[in-house]
Amino acid sequence: MRFMITCRIPVEKGNELAKNGTLGQTVQTIMEELKPEAAYFSDIDGARGGYIVVNMDDASQIPAMAEPLFIGLGATIQLHPVMTPEDLDRATPAIEQAAQKYG
């Protein structure tokens, strides 16, 4: 199943890593571990952050995805299941059935 991790790096921790020259390498190492389908970096609530799309087969994989971000970057995260357009297309019958039943 595909999940999007929203990752916010606190300014103080990001500055510390940037000043000691390890921010880029830390992010690179974490990305190599997570093996994301896609990753985009931007500001989030005025701090460094990123949107990282990963695949997981089982909920037991969540710590392996989250802990490097928590420990390596001091990040706060949100984890949400997401769909591609193809996934949404396969879900359309269930959406239509719910609309018929509850609409």
C-alpha atoms as a PDB file:
ATOM      1  CA  MET A   1       0.000   0.000   0.000  1.00  0.00           C
ATOM      2  CA  ARG A   2       1.207   3.475  -0.870  1.00  0.00           C
ATOM      3  CA  PHE A   3       1.641   6.085   1.891  1.00  0.00           C
ATOM      4  CA  MET A   4       2.662   9.726   1.859  1.00  0.00           C
ATOM      5  CA  ILE A   5       4.868  10.817   4.733  1.00  0.00           C
ATOM      6  CA  THR A   6       4.789  14.522   5.476  1.00  0.00           C
ATOM      7  CA  CYS A   7       8.017  15.276   7.317  1.00  0.00           C
ATOM      8  CA  ARG A   8       8.733  18.578   9.127  1.00  0.00           C
ATOM      9  CA  ILE A   9      12.295  19.188  10.351  1.00  0.00           C
ATOM     10  CA  PRO A  10      12.468  21.629  13.271  1.00  0.00           C
ATOM     11  CA  VAL A  11      14.404  24.795  12.373  1.00  0.00           C
ATOM     12  CA  GLU A  12      16.906  24.330  15.210  1.00  0.00           C
ATOM     13  CA  LYS A  13      17.732  20.724  14.264  1.00  0.00           C
ATOM     14  CA  GLY A  14      17.902  21.573  10.551  1.00  0.00           C
ATOM     15  CA  ASN A  15      20.218  24.514  11.262  1.00  0.00           C
ATOM     16  CA  GLU A  16      22.424  22.342  13.470  1.00  0.00           C
ATOM     17  CA  LEU A  17      22.765  19.723  10.715  1.00  0.00           C
ATOM     18  CA  ALA A  18      23.327  22.395   8.054  1.00  0.00           C
ATOM     19  CA  LYS A  19      26.025  24.150  10.106  1.00  0.00           C
ATOM     20  CA  ASN A  20      27.945  20.957  10.784  1.00  0.00           C
ATOM     21  CA  GLY A  21      27.657  19.917   7.135  1.00  0.00           C
ATOM     22  CA  THR A  22      25.590  16.751   7.632  1.00  0.00           C
ATOM     23  CA  LEU A  23      22.085  17.789   6.546  1.00  0.00           C
ATOM     24  CA  GLY A  24      22.436  16.675   2.928  1.00  0.00           C
ATOM     25  CA  GLN A  25      24.143  13.392   3.760  1.00  0.00           C
ATOM     26  CA  THR A  26      21.606  12.602   6.493  1.00  0.00           C
ATOM     27  CA  VAL A  27      18.692  13.173   4.108  1.00  0.00           C
ATOM     28  CA  GLN A  28      20.436  11.148   1.385  1.00  0.00           C
ATOM     29  CA  THR A  29      21.064   8.222   3.745  1.00  0.00           C
ATOM     30  CA  ILE A  30      17.454   8.227   4.928  1.00  0.00           C
ATOM     31  CA  MET A  31      16.173   8.309   1.322  1.00  0.00           C
ATOM     32  CA  GLU A  32      18.394   5.333   0.477  1.00  0.00           C
ATOM     33  CA  GLU A  33      16.827   3.414   3.389  1.00  0.00           C
ATOM     34  CA  LEU A  34      13.230   4.421   2.652  1.00  0.00           C
ATOM     35  CA  LYS A  35      13.513   3.802  -1.108  1.00  0.00           C
ATOM     36  CA  PRO A  36      10.674   6.238  -1.872  1.00  0.00           C
ATOM     37  CA  GLU A  37       8.606   6.134  -5.031  1.00  0.00           C
ATOM     38  CA  ALA A  38       8.862   9.930  -4.993  1.00  0.00           C
ATOM     39  CA  ALA A  39      10.215  12.596  -2.650  1.00  0.00           C
ATOM     40  CA  TYR A  40       9.751  16.352  -2.770  1.00  0.00           C
ATOM     41  CA  PHE A  41      11.278  18.850  -0.378  1.00  0.00           C
ATOM     42  CA  SER A  42       9.779  22.199   0.535  1.00  0.00           C
ATOM     43  CA  ASP A  43       8.942  24.401   3.462  1.00  0.00           C
ATOM     44  CA  ILE A  44       6.285  23.086   5.841  1.00  0.00           C
ATOM     45  CA  ASP A  45       4.880  25.480   8.436  1.00  0.00           C
ATOM     46  CA  GLY A  46       7.938  27.705   8.112  1.00  0.00           C
ATOM     47  CA  ALA A  47      10.492  24.900   8.488  1.00  0.00           C
ATOM     48  CA  ARG A  48      12.351  22.497   6.229  1.00  0.00           C
ATOM     49  CA  GLY A  49      10.275  19.530   5.216  1.00  0.00           C
ATOM     50  CA  GLY A  50       9.363  16.993   2.638  1.00  0.00           C
ATOM     51  CA  TYR A  51       6.653  14.867   1.102  1.00  0.00           C
ATOM     52  CA  ILE A  52       7.814  11.294   0.712  1.00  0.00           C
ATOM     53  CA  VAL A  53       5.787   8.567  -1.039  1.00  0.00           C
ATOM     54  CA  VAL A  54       6.629   5.020   0.051  1.00  0.00           C
ATOM     55  CA  ASN A  55       5.144   1.556  -0.362  1.00  0.00           C
ATOM     56  CA  MET A  56       4.470  -0.678   2.623  1.00  0.00           C
ATOM     57  CA  ASP A  57       3.085  -4.202   2.651  1.00  0.00           C
ATOM     58  CA  ASP A  58       2.397  -4.285   6.382  1.00  0.00           C
ATOM     59  CA  ALA A  59       1.848  -1.848   9.263  1.00  0.00           C
ATOM     60  CA  SER A  60       4.893  -3.343  10.992  1.00  0.00           C
ATOM     61  CA  GLN A  61       7.016  -1.430   8.453  1.00  0.00           C
ATOM     62  CA  ILE A  62       5.929   1.957   9.838  1.00  0.00           C
ATOM     63  CA  PRO A  63       8.719   2.165  12.455  1.00  0.00           C
ATOM     64  CA  ALA A  64      11.343   1.393   9.802  1.00  0.00           C
ATOM     65  CA  MET A  65      10.014   4.347   7.780  1.00  0.00           C
ATOM     66  CA  ALA A  66       9.437   6.744  10.679  1.00  0.00           C
ATOM     67  CA  GLU A  67      12.368   6.212  13.043  1.00  0.00           C
ATOM     68  CA  PRO A  68      15.117   7.434  10.676  1.00  0.00           C
ATOM     69  CA  LEU A  69      13.139  10.675  10.274  1.00  0.00           C
ATOM     70  CA  PHE A  70      12.512  10.997  14.022  1.00  0.00           C
ATOM     71  CA  ILE A  71      16.046  10.165  15.111  1.00  0.00           C
ATOM     72  CA  GLY A  72      18.130  11.437  12.190  1.00  0.00           C
ATOM     73  CA  LEU A  73      16.273  14.699  11.573  1.00  0.00           C
ATOM     74  CA  GLY A  74      14.277  15.269  14.758  1.00  0.00           C
ATOM     75  CA  ALA A  75      11.268  15.405  12.442  1.00  0.00           C
ATOM     76  CA  THR A  76       7.588  15.336  13.154  1.00  0.00           C
ATOM     77  CA  ILE A  77       5.668  13.288  10.630  1.00  0.00           C
ATOM     78  CA  GLN A  78       2.209  12.533   9.369  1.00  0.00           C
ATOM     79  CA  LEU A  79       1.532   9.291   7.547  1.00  0.00           C
ATOM     80  CA  HIS A  80      -1.429   8.988   5.168  1.00  0.00           C
ATOM     81  CA  PRO A  81      -2.524   6.239   2.774  1.00  0.00           C
ATOM     82  CA  VAL A  82      -2.732   7.675  -0.749  1.00  0.00           C
ATOM     83  CA  MET A  83      -4.033   6.517  -4.132  1.00  0.00           C
ATOM     84  CA  THR A  84      -2.909   6.891  -7.711  1.00  0.00           C
ATOM     85  CA  PRO A  85      -5.526   7.716 -10.358  1.00  0.00           C
ATOM     86  CA  GLU A  86      -5.605   3.997 -11.179  1.00  0.00           C
ATOM     87  CA  ASP A  87      -6.300   3.133  -7.527  1.00  0.00           C
ATOM     88  CA  LEU A  88      -9.095   5.694  -7.447  1.00  0.00           C
ATOM     89  CA  ASP A  89     -10.570   4.204 -10.613  1.00  0.00           C
ATOM     90  CA  ARG A  90     -10.668   0.760  -8.966  1.00  0.00           C
ATOM     91  CA  ALA A  91     -12.311   2.337  -5.896  1.00  0.00           C
ATOM     92  CA  THR A  92     -15.055   4.096  -7.883  1.00  0.00           C
ATOM     93  CA  PRO A  93     -17.628   1.256  -7.603  1.00  0.00           C
ATOM     94  CA  ALA A  94     -17.372   1.353  -3.790  1.00  0.00           C
ATOM     95  CA  ILE A  95     -17.737   5.141  -3.798  1.00  0.00           C
ATOM     96  CA  GLU A  96     -20.785   4.910  -6.041  1.00  0.00           C
ATOM     97  CA  GLN A  97     -22.291   2.159  -3.885  1.00  0.00           C
ATOM     98  CA  ALA A  98     -21.852   4.281  -0.729  1.00  0.00           C
ATOM     99  CA  ALA A  99     -23.396   7.269  -2.508  1.00  0.00           C
ATOM    100  CA  GLN A 100     -26.413   5.173  -3.492  1.00  0.00           C
ATOM    101  CA  LYS A 101     -26.820   3.768  -0.015  1.00  0.00           C
ATOM    102  CA  TYR A 102     -26.155   6.898   2.062  1.00  0.00           C
ATOM    103  CA  GLY A 103     -26.748   9.742  -0.383  1.00  0.00           C
END
